[in-house]
Amino acid sequence: MADVDGVSEIVIASPIGRQEVTLTLASEGSTVTGKAQTSAELVDVNNGKFDGGVLTCSVDLRKPFPMTVTYTLTYEGDAITGKAKAGPFPASNVTGNKVS
């Protein structure tokens, strides 16, 4: 069974280039809270839900410019795949791994 708790490292293939993000997450029931560390800042994870191996959440970035990124990530064991939708940009592919 997939587990979202812990640290996950993801890579977003965004229109502005490869973006690396470290997610540190904790769940209580289906609710998920935590932090997202980008190359520029540490922000809260908002509206986190984990159901059937799928994490949905968002983060509000301030750098390089303000925008909300919405994630839909599927956890299969330690492997992560999914999409990230950043502001006005089209959805980008996400890959990654749970590291702890």
PDB file of N, CA and C in Angstrom:
ATOM      1  N   MET A   1       0.840  -1.188   0.000  1.00  0.00           N
ATOM      2  CA  MET A   1       0.000   0.000   0.000  1.00  0.00           C
ATOM      3  C   MET A   1       0.883   1.249   0.000  1.00  0.00           C
ATOM      4  N   ALA A   2       0.523   2.224  -0.787  1.00  0.00           N
ATOM      5  CA  ALA A   2       1.281   3.467  -0.890  1.00  0.00           C
ATOM      6  C   ALA A   2       1.148   4.282   0.392  1.00  0.00           C
ATOM      7  N   ASP A   3       2.215   4.985   0.712  1.00  0.00           N
ATOM      8  CA  ASP A   3       2.259   5.812   1.907  1.00  0.00           C
ATOM      9  C   ASP A   3       2.882   7.147   1.532  1.00  0.00           C
ATOM     10  N   VAL A   4       2.224   8.245   1.866  1.00  0.00           N
ATOM     11  CA  VAL A   4       2.700   9.575   1.513  1.00  0.00           C
ATOM     12  C   VAL A   4       3.596  10.180   2.596  1.00  0.00           C
ATOM     13  N   ASP A   5       3.542   9.649   3.819  1.00  0.00           N
ATOM     14  CA  ASP A   5       4.308  10.224   4.930  1.00  0.00           C
ATOM     15  C   ASP A   5       5.805  10.127   4.695  1.00  0.00           C
ATOM     16  N   GLY A   6       6.512  11.227   4.985  1.00  0.00           N
ATOM     17  CA  GLY A   6       7.959  11.246   4.849  1.00  0.00           C
ATOM     18  C   GLY A   6       8.417  12.255   3.820  1.00  0.00           C
ATOM     19  N   VAL A   7       9.596  11.990   3.255  1.00  0.00           N
ATOM     20  CA  VAL A   7      10.220  12.911   2.301  1.00  0.00           C
ATOM     21  C   VAL A   7      10.188  12.308   0.902  1.00  0.00           C
ATOM     22  N   SER A   8       9.735  13.120  -0.054  1.00  0.00           N
ATOM     23  CA  SER A   8       9.706  12.724  -1.455  1.00  0.00           C
ATOM     24  C   SER A   8      10.448  13.774  -2.270  1.00  0.00           C
ATOM     25  N   GLU A   9      11.229  13.315  -3.233  1.00  0.00           N
ATOM     26  CA  GLU A   9      11.914  14.219  -4.150  1.00  0.00           C
ATOM     27  C   GLU A   9      11.281  14.054  -5.521  1.00  0.00           C
ATOM     28  N   ILE A  10      10.787  15.184  -6.060  1.00  0.00           N
ATOM     29  CA  ILE A  10      10.137  15.141  -7.361  1.00  0.00           C
ATOM     30  C   ILE A  10      10.823  16.099  -8.326  1.00  0.00           C
ATOM     31  N   VAL A  11      10.657  15.810  -9.613  1.00  0.00           N
ATOM     32  CA  VAL A  11      11.182  16.655 -10.681  1.00  0.00           C
ATOM     33  C   VAL A  11      10.021  16.995 -11.608  1.00  0.00           C
ATOM     34  N   ILE A  12       9.840  18.293 -11.846  1.00  0.00           N
ATOM     35  CA  ILE A  12       8.792  18.778 -12.731  1.00  0.00           C
ATOM     36  C   ILE A  12       9.435  19.178 -14.052  1.00  0.00           C
ATOM     37  N   ALA A  13       8.951  18.619 -15.143  1.00  0.00           N
ATOM     38  CA  ALA A  13       9.434  18.978 -16.482  1.00  0.00           C
ATOM     39  C   ALA A  13       8.624  20.177 -16.960  1.00  0.00           C
ATOM     40  N   SER A  14       8.952  21.359 -16.436  1.00  0.00           N
ATOM     41  CA  SER A  14       8.135  22.547 -16.679  1.00  0.00           C
ATOM     42  C   SER A  14       8.554  23.287 -17.947  1.00  0.00           C
ATOM     43  N   PRO A  15       7.683  24.178 -18.434  1.00  0.00           N
ATOM     44  CA  PRO A  15       8.019  24.970 -19.621  1.00  0.00           C
ATOM     45  C   PRO A  15       9.239  25.879 -19.411  1.00  0.00           C
ATOM     46  N   ILE A  16       9.566  26.188 -18.161  1.00  0.00           N
ATOM     47  CA  ILE A  16      10.734  27.035 -17.889  1.00  0.00           C
ATOM     48  C   ILE A  16      11.946  26.211 -17.470  1.00  0.00           C
ATOM     49  N   GLY A  17      11.864  24.891 -17.676  1.00  0.00           N
ATOM     50  CA  GLY A  17      12.985  24.010 -17.356  1.00  0.00           C
ATOM     51  C   GLY A  17      12.682  23.079 -16.198  1.00  0.00           C
ATOM     52  N   ARG A  18      13.636  22.214 -15.942  1.00  0.00           N
ATOM     53  CA  ARG A  18      13.529  21.200 -14.886  1.00  0.00           C
ATOM     54  C   ARG A  18      13.464  21.884 -13.521  1.00  0.00           C
ATOM     55  N   GLN A  19      12.431  21.538 -12.734  1.00  0.00           N
ATOM     56  CA  GLN A  19      12.253  22.096 -11.399  1.00  0.00           C
ATOM     57  C   GLN A  19      12.279  20.954 -10.386  1.00  0.00           C
ATOM     58  N   GLU A  20      13.185  21.038  -9.427  1.00  0.00           N
ATOM     59  CA  GLU A  20      13.289  20.018  -8.385  1.00  0.00           C
ATOM     60  C   GLU A  20      12.621  20.522  -7.113  1.00  0.00           C
ATOM     61  N   VAL A  21      11.816  19.659  -6.507  1.00  0.00           N
ATOM     62  CA  VAL A  21      11.075  20.004  -5.298  1.00  0.00           C
ATOM     63  C   VAL A  21      11.198  18.853  -4.314  1.00  0.00           C
ATOM     64  N   THR A  22      11.429  19.182  -3.051  1.00  0.00           N
ATOM     65  CA  THR A  22      11.410  18.189  -1.983  1.00  0.00           C
ATOM     66  C   THR A  22      10.148  18.408  -1.158  1.00  0.00           C
ATOM     67  N   LEU A  23       9.325  17.372  -1.063  1.00  0.00           N
ATOM     68  CA  LEU A  23       8.094  17.411  -0.279  1.00  0.00           C
ATOM     69  C   LEU A  23       8.318  16.671   1.027  1.00  0.00           C
ATOM     70  N   THR A  24       8.011  17.315   2.138  1.00  0.00           N
ATOM     71  CA  THR A  24       8.039  16.675   3.451  1.00  0.00           C
ATOM     72  C   THR A  24       6.603  16.669   3.948  1.00  0.00           C
ATOM     73  N   LEU A  25       6.020  15.467   4.025  1.00  0.00           N
ATOM     74  CA  LEU A  25       4.578  15.348   4.227  1.00  0.00           C
ATOM     75  C   LEU A  25       4.227  14.466   5.414  1.00  0.00           C
ATOM     76  N   ALA A  26       3.068  14.761   6.007  1.00  0.00           N
ATOM     77  CA  ALA A  26       2.495  13.930   7.073  1.00  0.00           C
ATOM     78  C   ALA A  26       0.992  13.838   6.826  1.00  0.00           C
ATOM     79  N   SER A  27       0.443  12.651   7.059  1.00  0.00           N
ATOM     80  CA  SER A  27      -0.992  12.476   6.855  1.00  0.00           C
ATOM     81  C   SER A  27      -1.677  12.105   8.156  1.00  0.00           C
ATOM     82  N   GLU A  28      -2.923  12.514   8.246  1.00  0.00           N
ATOM     83  CA  GLU A  28      -3.816  12.100   9.321  1.00  0.00           C
ATOM     84  C   GLU A  28      -5.130  11.774   8.646  1.00  0.00           C
ATOM     85  N   GLY A  29      -5.431  10.474   8.555  1.00  0.00           N
ATOM     86  CA  GLY A  29      -6.553  10.053   7.725  1.00  0.00           C
ATOM     87  C   GLY A  29      -6.205  10.359   6.287  1.00  0.00           C
ATOM     88  N   SER A  30      -7.105  11.023   5.572  1.00  0.00           N
ATOM     89  CA  SER A  30      -6.825  11.382   4.178  1.00  0.00           C
ATOM     90  C   SER A  30      -6.258  12.795   4.035  1.00  0.00           C
ATOM     91  N   THR A  31      -6.145  13.532   5.153  1.00  0.00           N
ATOM     92  CA  THR A  31      -5.626  14.898   5.117  1.00  0.00           C
ATOM     93  C   THR A  31      -4.096  14.894   5.174  1.00  0.00           C
ATOM     94  N   VAL A  32      -3.479  15.684   4.301  1.00  0.00           N
ATOM     95  CA  VAL A  32      -2.021  15.751   4.219  1.00  0.00           C
ATOM     96  C   VAL A  32      -1.566  17.193   4.456  1.00  0.00           C
ATOM     97  N   THR A  33      -0.556  17.347   5.307  1.00  0.00           N
ATOM     98  CA  THR A  33       0.066  18.640   5.547  1.00  0.00           C
ATOM     99  C   THR A  33       1.564  18.501   5.323  1.00  0.00           C
ATOM    100  N   GLY A  34       2.240  19.627   5.206  1.00  0.00           N
ATOM    101  CA  GLY A  34       3.686  19.560   5.072  1.00  0.00           C
ATOM    102  C   GLY A  34       4.276  20.782   4.429  1.00  0.00           C
ATOM    103  N   LYS A  35       5.494  20.604   3.916  1.00  0.00           N
ATOM    104  CA  LYS A  35       6.271  21.681   3.308  1.00  0.00           C
ATOM    105  C   LYS A  35       6.799  21.234   1.950  1.00  0.00           C
ATOM    106  N   ALA A  36       6.988  22.218   1.072  1.00  0.00           N
ATOM    107  CA  ALA A  36       7.611  21.994  -0.231  1.00  0.00           C
ATOM    108  C   ALA A  36       8.828  22.905  -0.316  1.00  0.00           C
ATOM    109  N   GLN A  37       9.991  22.313  -0.566  1.00  0.00           N
ATOM    110  CA  GLN A  37      11.234  23.072  -0.695  1.00  0.00           C
ATOM    111  C   GLN A  37      11.605  23.146  -2.169  1.00  0.00           C
ATOM    112  N   THR A  38      11.615  24.361  -2.726  1.00  0.00           N
ATOM    113  CA  THR A  38      12.069  24.576  -4.094  1.00  0.00           C
ATOM    114  C   THR A  38      13.493  25.114  -4.030  1.00  0.00           C
ATOM    115  N   SER A  39      14.079  25.412  -5.165  1.00  0.00           N
ATOM    116  CA  SER A  39      15.423  25.994  -5.160  1.00  0.00           C
ATOM    117  C   SER A  39      15.414  27.404  -4.588  1.00  0.00           C
ATOM    118  N   ALA A  40      14.235  28.045  -4.534  1.00  0.00           N
ATOM    119  CA  ALA A  40      14.148  29.436  -4.114  1.00  0.00           C
ATOM    120  C   ALA A  40      13.493  29.662  -2.756  1.00  0.00           C
ATOM    121  N   GLU A  41      12.679  28.696  -2.285  1.00  0.00           N
ATOM    122  CA  GLU A  41      11.936  28.962  -1.054  1.00  0.00           C
ATOM    123  C   GLU A  41      11.321  27.701  -0.460  1.00  0.00           C
ATOM    124  N   LEU A  42      10.919  27.815   0.804  1.00  0.00           N
ATOM    125  CA  LEU A  42      10.205  26.769   1.532  1.00  0.00           C
ATOM    126  C   LEU A  42       8.789  27.265   1.766  1.00  0.00           C
ATOM    127  N   VAL A  43       7.793  26.497   1.302  1.00  0.00           N
ATOM    128  CA  VAL A  43       6.395  26.920   1.411  1.00  0.00           C
ATOM    129  C   VAL A  43       5.538  25.790   1.976  1.00  0.00           C
ATOM    130  N   ASP A  44       4.372  26.171   2.492  1.00  0.00           N
ATOM    131  CA  ASP A  44       3.418  25.200   3.019  1.00  0.00           C
ATOM    132  C   ASP A  44       2.718  24.450   1.901  1.00  0.00           C
ATOM    133  N   VAL A  45       2.379  23.195   2.180  1.00  0.00           N
ATOM    134  CA  VAL A  45       1.518  22.401   1.304  1.00  0.00           C
ATOM    135  C   VAL A  45       0.086  22.680   1.738  1.00  0.00           C
ATOM    136  N   ASN A  46      -0.768  23.045   0.792  1.00  0.00           N
ATOM    137  CA  ASN A  46      -2.158  23.402   1.071  1.00  0.00           C
ATOM    138  C   ASN A  46      -3.119  22.375   0.472  1.00  0.00           C
ATOM    139  N   ASN A  47      -4.277  22.243   1.106  1.00  0.00           N
ATOM    140  CA  ASN A  47      -5.383  21.425   0.569  1.00  0.00           C
ATOM    141  C   ASN A  47      -4.962  19.996   0.257  1.00  0.00           C
ATOM    142  N   GLY A  48      -4.064  19.435   1.064  1.00  0.00           N
ATOM    143  CA  GLY A  48      -3.560  18.098   0.805  1.00  0.00           C
ATOM    144  C   GLY A  48      -4.561  17.001   1.116  1.00  0.00           C
ATOM    145  N   LYS A  49      -4.728  16.100   0.163  1.00  0.00           N
ATOM    146  CA  LYS A  49      -5.577  14.908   0.328  1.00  0.00           C
ATOM    147  C   LYS A  49      -4.847  13.725  -0.284  1.00  0.00           C
ATOM    148  N   PHE A  50      -4.904  12.575   0.395  1.00  0.00           N
ATOM    149  CA  PHE A  50      -4.297  11.355  -0.117  1.00  0.00           C
ATOM    150  C   PHE A  50      -5.354  10.270  -0.084  1.00  0.00           C
ATOM    151  N   ASP A  51      -5.726   9.786  -1.269  1.00  0.00           N
ATOM    152  CA  ASP A  51      -6.797   8.802  -1.370  1.00  0.00           C
ATOM    153  C   ASP A  51      -6.470   7.837  -2.495  1.00  0.00           C
ATOM    154  N   GLY A  52      -6.449   6.555  -2.203  1.00  0.00           N
ATOM    155  CA  GLY A  52      -6.209   5.537  -3.216  1.00  0.00           C
ATOM    156  C   GLY A  52      -4.853   5.651  -3.874  1.00  0.00           C
ATOM    157  N   GLY A  53      -3.866   6.103  -3.120  1.00  0.00           N
ATOM    158  CA  GLY A  53      -2.520   6.246  -3.664  1.00  0.00           C
ATOM    159  C   GLY A  53      -2.283   7.526  -4.438  1.00  0.00           C
ATOM    160  N   VAL A  54      -3.290   8.425  -4.462  1.00  0.00           N
ATOM    161  CA  VAL A  54      -3.163   9.683  -5.209  1.00  0.00           C
ATOM    162  C   VAL A  54      -3.162  10.864  -4.238  1.00  0.00           C
ATOM    163  N   LEU A  55      -2.116  11.679  -4.343  1.00  0.00           N
ATOM    164  CA  LEU A  55      -1.998  12.905  -3.564  1.00  0.00           C
ATOM    165  C   LEU A  55      -2.429  14.082  -4.426  1.00  0.00           C
ATOM    166  N   THR A  56      -3.356  14.882  -3.908  1.00  0.00           N
ATOM    167  CA  THR A  56      -3.685  16.163  -4.526  1.00  0.00           C
ATOM    168  C   THR A  56      -3.377  17.246  -3.507  1.00  0.00           C
ATOM    169  N   CYS A  57      -2.732  18.315  -3.964  1.00  0.00           N
ATOM    170  CA  CYS A  57      -2.390  19.415  -3.075  1.00  0.00           C
ATOM    171  C   CYS A  57      -1.973  20.609  -3.910  1.00  0.00           C
ATOM    172  N   SER A  58      -1.725  21.726  -3.243  1.00  0.00           N
ATOM    173  CA  SER A  58      -1.232  22.907  -3.931  1.00  0.00           C
ATOM    174  C   SER A  58      -0.207  23.608  -3.052  1.00  0.00           C
ATOM    175  N   VAL A  59       0.601  24.443  -3.690  1.00  0.00           N
ATOM    176  CA  VAL A  59       1.553  25.302  -2.980  1.00  0.00           C
ATOM    177  C   VAL A  59       1.472  26.694  -3.604  1.00  0.00           C
ATOM    178  N   ASP A  60       1.641  27.698  -2.772  1.00  0.00           N
ATOM    179  CA  ASP A  60       1.641  29.078  -3.245  1.00  0.00           C
ATOM    180  C   ASP A  60       3.071  29.581  -3.261  1.00  0.00           C
ATOM    181  N   LEU A  61       3.614  29.724  -4.464  1.00  0.00           N
ATOM    182  CA  LEU A  61       4.989  30.190  -4.618  1.00  0.00           C
ATOM    183  C   LEU A  61       5.030  31.713  -4.703  1.00  0.00           C
ATOM    184  N   ARG A  62       6.140  32.273  -4.236  1.00  0.00           N
ATOM    185  CA  ARG A  62       6.366  33.707  -4.350  1.00  0.00           C
ATOM    186  C   ARG A  62       7.513  34.007  -5.313  1.00  0.00           C
ATOM    187  N   LYS A  63       8.386  33.006  -5.541  1.00  0.00           N
ATOM    188  CA  LYS A  63       9.570  33.189  -6.385  1.00  0.00           C
ATOM    189  C   LYS A  63       9.585  32.123  -7.469  1.00  0.00           C
ATOM    190  N   PRO A  64       9.948  32.345  -8.707  1.00  0.00           N
ATOM    191  CA  PRO A  64      10.456  33.617  -9.208  1.00  0.00           C
ATOM    192  C   PRO A  64       9.370  34.678  -9.364  1.00  0.00           C
ATOM    193  N   PHE A  65       8.084  34.267  -9.351  1.00  0.00           N
ATOM    194  CA  PHE A  65       6.966  35.204  -9.329  1.00  0.00           C
ATOM    195  C   PHE A  65       5.781  34.486  -8.693  1.00  0.00           C
ATOM    196  N   PRO A  66       4.832  35.227  -8.117  1.00  0.00           N
ATOM    197  CA  PRO A  66       3.716  34.587  -7.411  1.00  0.00           C
ATOM    198  C   PRO A  66       2.849  33.727  -8.329  1.00  0.00           C
ATOM    199  N   MET A  67       2.604  32.496  -7.883  1.00  0.00           N
ATOM    200  CA  MET A  67       1.686  31.603  -8.589  1.00  0.00           C
ATOM    201  C   MET A  67       1.369  30.411  -7.695  1.00  0.00           C
ATOM    202  N   THR A  68       0.244  29.790  -7.979  1.00  0.00           N
ATOM    203  CA  THR A  68      -0.150  28.569  -7.286  1.00  0.00           C
ATOM    204  C   THR A  68       0.159  27.387  -8.188  1.00  0.00           C
ATOM    205  N   VAL A  69       0.802  26.369  -7.604  1.00  0.00           N
ATOM    206  CA  VAL A  69       1.073  25.124  -8.319  1.00  0.00           C
ATOM    207  C   VAL A  69       0.181  24.050  -7.705  1.00  0.00           C
ATOM    208  N   THR A  70      -0.586  23.372  -8.547  1.00  0.00           N
ATOM    209  CA  THR A  70      -1.472  22.298  -8.105  1.00  0.00           C
ATOM    210  C   THR A  70      -0.885  20.964  -8.561  1.00  0.00           C
ATOM    211  N   TYR A  71      -0.752  20.036  -7.630  1.00  0.00           N
ATOM    212  CA  TYR A  71      -0.171  18.724  -7.909  1.00  0.00           C
ATOM    213  C   TYR A  71      -1.235  17.635  -7.866  1.00  0.00           C
ATOM    214  N   THR A  72      -1.110  16.666  -8.766  1.00  0.00           N
ATOM    215  CA  THR A  72      -1.829  15.394  -8.706  1.00  0.00           C
ATOM    216  C   THR A  72      -0.752  14.331  -8.901  1.00  0.00           C
ATOM    217  N   LEU A  73      -0.399  13.642  -7.818  1.00  0.00           N
ATOM    218  CA  LEU A  73       0.723  12.704  -7.825  1.00  0.00           C
ATOM    219  C   LEU A  73       0.264  11.320  -7.395  1.00  0.00           C
ATOM    220  N   THR A  74       0.679  10.312  -8.139  1.00  0.00           N
ATOM    221  CA  THR A  74       0.365   8.927  -7.809  1.00  0.00           C
ATOM    222  C   THR A  74       1.585   8.277  -7.181  1.00  0.00           C
ATOM    223  N   TYR A  75       1.398   7.722  -6.001  1.00  0.00           N
ATOM    224  CA  TYR A  75       2.456   7.009  -5.278  1.00  0.00           C
ATOM    225  C   TYR A  75       2.237   5.512  -5.476  1.00  0.00           C
ATOM    226  N   GLU A  76       3.242   4.839  -6.062  1.00  0.00           N
ATOM    227  CA  GLU A  76       3.226   3.382  -6.215  1.00  0.00           C
ATOM    228  C   GLU A  76       4.506   2.869  -5.592  1.00  0.00           C
ATOM    229  N   GLY A  77       4.404   2.393  -4.343  1.00  0.00           N
ATOM    230  CA  GLY A  77       5.608   2.052  -3.600  1.00  0.00           C
ATOM    231  C   GLY A  77       6.386   3.325  -3.369  1.00  0.00           C
ATOM    232  N   ASP A  78       7.662   3.343  -3.781  1.00  0.00           N
ATOM    233  CA  ASP A  78       8.483   4.546  -3.639  1.00  0.00           C
ATOM    234  C   ASP A  78       8.498   5.402  -4.895  1.00  0.00           C
ATOM    235  N   ALA A  79       7.864   4.940  -5.981  1.00  0.00           N
ATOM    236  CA  ALA A  79       7.850   5.691  -7.242  1.00  0.00           C
ATOM    237  C   ALA A  79       6.686   6.681  -7.270  1.00  0.00           C
ATOM    238  N   ILE A  80       6.954   7.853  -7.832  1.00  0.00           N
ATOM    239  CA  ILE A  80       5.946   8.911  -7.930  1.00  0.00           C
ATOM    240  C   ILE A  80       5.855   9.370  -9.380  1.00  0.00           C
ATOM    241  N   THR A  81       4.626   9.473  -9.877  1.00  0.00           N
ATOM    242  CA  THR A  81       4.379  10.047 -11.197  1.00  0.00           C
ATOM    243  C   THR A  81       3.172  10.965 -11.086  1.00  0.00           C
ATOM    244  N   GLY A  82       3.024  11.864 -12.036  1.00  0.00           N
ATOM    245  CA  GLY A  82       1.851  12.720 -11.999  1.00  0.00           C
ATOM    246  C   GLY A  82       2.000  13.969 -12.813  1.00  0.00           C
ATOM    247  N   LYS A  83       1.252  15.003 -12.399  1.00  0.00           N
ATOM    248  CA  LYS A  83       1.196  16.277 -13.105  1.00  0.00           C
ATOM    249  C   LYS A  83       1.289  17.422 -12.094  1.00  0.00           C
ATOM    250  N   ALA A  84       1.861  18.528 -12.570  1.00  0.00           N
ATOM    251  CA  ALA A  84       1.889  19.781 -11.816  1.00  0.00           C
ATOM    252  C   ALA A  84       1.373  20.872 -12.744  1.00  0.00           C
ATOM    253  N   LYS A  85       0.414  21.635 -12.279  1.00  0.00           N
ATOM    254  CA  LYS A  85      -0.162  22.738 -13.051  1.00  0.00           C
ATOM    255  C   LYS A  85       0.239  24.027 -12.356  1.00  0.00           C
ATOM    256  N   ALA A  86       1.102  24.818 -13.004  1.00  0.00           N
ATOM    257  CA  ALA A  86       1.636  26.043 -12.419  1.00  0.00           C
ATOM    258  C   ALA A  86       1.010  27.263 -13.071  1.00  0.00           C
ATOM    259  N   GLY A  87       0.191  27.964 -12.294  1.00  0.00           N
ATOM    260  CA  GLY A  87      -0.399  29.199 -12.781  1.00  0.00           C
ATOM    261  C   GLY A  87      -0.974  29.053 -14.173  1.00  0.00           C
ATOM    262  N   PRO A  88      -0.569  29.944 -15.112  1.00  0.00           N
ATOM    263  CA  PRO A  88      -1.139  29.934 -16.453  1.00  0.00           C
ATOM    264  C   PRO A  88      -0.502  28.909 -17.393  1.00  0.00           C
ATOM    265  N   PHE A  89       0.546  28.220 -16.917  1.00  0.00           N
ATOM    266  CA  PHE A  89       1.257  27.274 -17.771  1.00  0.00           C
ATOM    267  C   PHE A  89       0.469  25.969 -17.923  1.00  0.00           C
ATOM    268  N   PRO A  90       0.696  25.232 -19.023  1.00  0.00           N
ATOM    269  CA  PRO A  90       0.055  23.925 -19.164  1.00  0.00           C
ATOM    270  C   PRO A  90       0.589  22.961 -18.110  1.00  0.00           C
ATOM    271  N   ALA A  91      -0.152  21.914 -17.826  1.00  0.00           N
ATOM    272  CA  ALA A  91       0.279  20.908 -16.855  1.00  0.00           C
ATOM    273  C   ALA A  91       1.576  20.257 -17.333  1.00  0.00           C
ATOM    274  N   SER A  92       2.467  20.003 -16.384  1.00  0.00           N
ATOM    275  CA  SER A  92       3.768  19.402 -16.675  1.00  0.00           C
ATOM    276  C   SER A  92       3.875  18.029 -16.033  1.00  0.00           C
ATOM    277  N   ASN A  93       4.629  17.141 -16.656  1.00  0.00           N
ATOM    278  CA  ASN A  93       4.862  15.810 -16.093  1.00  0.00           C
ATOM    279  C   ASN A  93       5.742  15.897 -14.864  1.00  0.00           C
ATOM    280  N   VAL A  94       5.447  15.036 -13.902  1.00  0.00           N
ATOM    281  CA  VAL A  94       6.228  14.936 -12.666  1.00  0.00           C
ATOM    282  C   VAL A  94       6.681  13.500 -12.488  1.00  0.00           C
ATOM    283  N   THR A  95       7.926  13.312 -12.103  1.00  0.00           N
ATOM    284  CA  THR A  95       8.457  12.000 -11.711  1.00  0.00           C
ATOM    285  C   THR A  95       9.210  12.191 -10.403  1.00  0.00           C
ATOM    286  N   GLY A  96       9.392  11.112  -9.684  1.00  0.00           N
ATOM    287  CA  GLY A  96      10.144  11.225  -8.449  1.00  0.00           C
ATOM    288  C   GLY A  96      10.144   9.951  -7.650  1.00  0.00           C
ATOM    289  N   ASN A  97      10.674  10.064  -6.435  1.00  0.00           N
ATOM    290  CA  ASN A  97      10.777   8.937  -5.529  1.00  0.00           C
ATOM    291  C   ASN A  97      10.598   9.379  -4.099  1.00  0.00           C
ATOM    292  N   LYS A  98      10.017   8.500  -3.321  1.00  0.00           N
ATOM    293  CA  LYS A  98       9.960   8.692  -1.887  1.00  0.00           C
ATOM    294  C   LYS A  98      11.315   8.271  -1.332  1.00  0.00           C
ATOM    295  N   VAL A  99      11.962   9.144  -0.547  1.00  0.00           N
ATOM    296  CA  VAL A  99      13.308   8.852  -0.080  1.00  0.00           C
ATOM    297  C   VAL A  99      13.370   8.499   1.400  1.00  0.00           C
ATOM    298  N   SER A 100      12.319   8.812   2.149  1.00  0.00           N
ATOM    299  CA  SER A 100      12.272   8.365   3.556  1.00  0.00           C
ATOM    300  C   SER A 100      10.855   8.423   4.073  1.00  0.00           C
TER     301      SER A 100
END
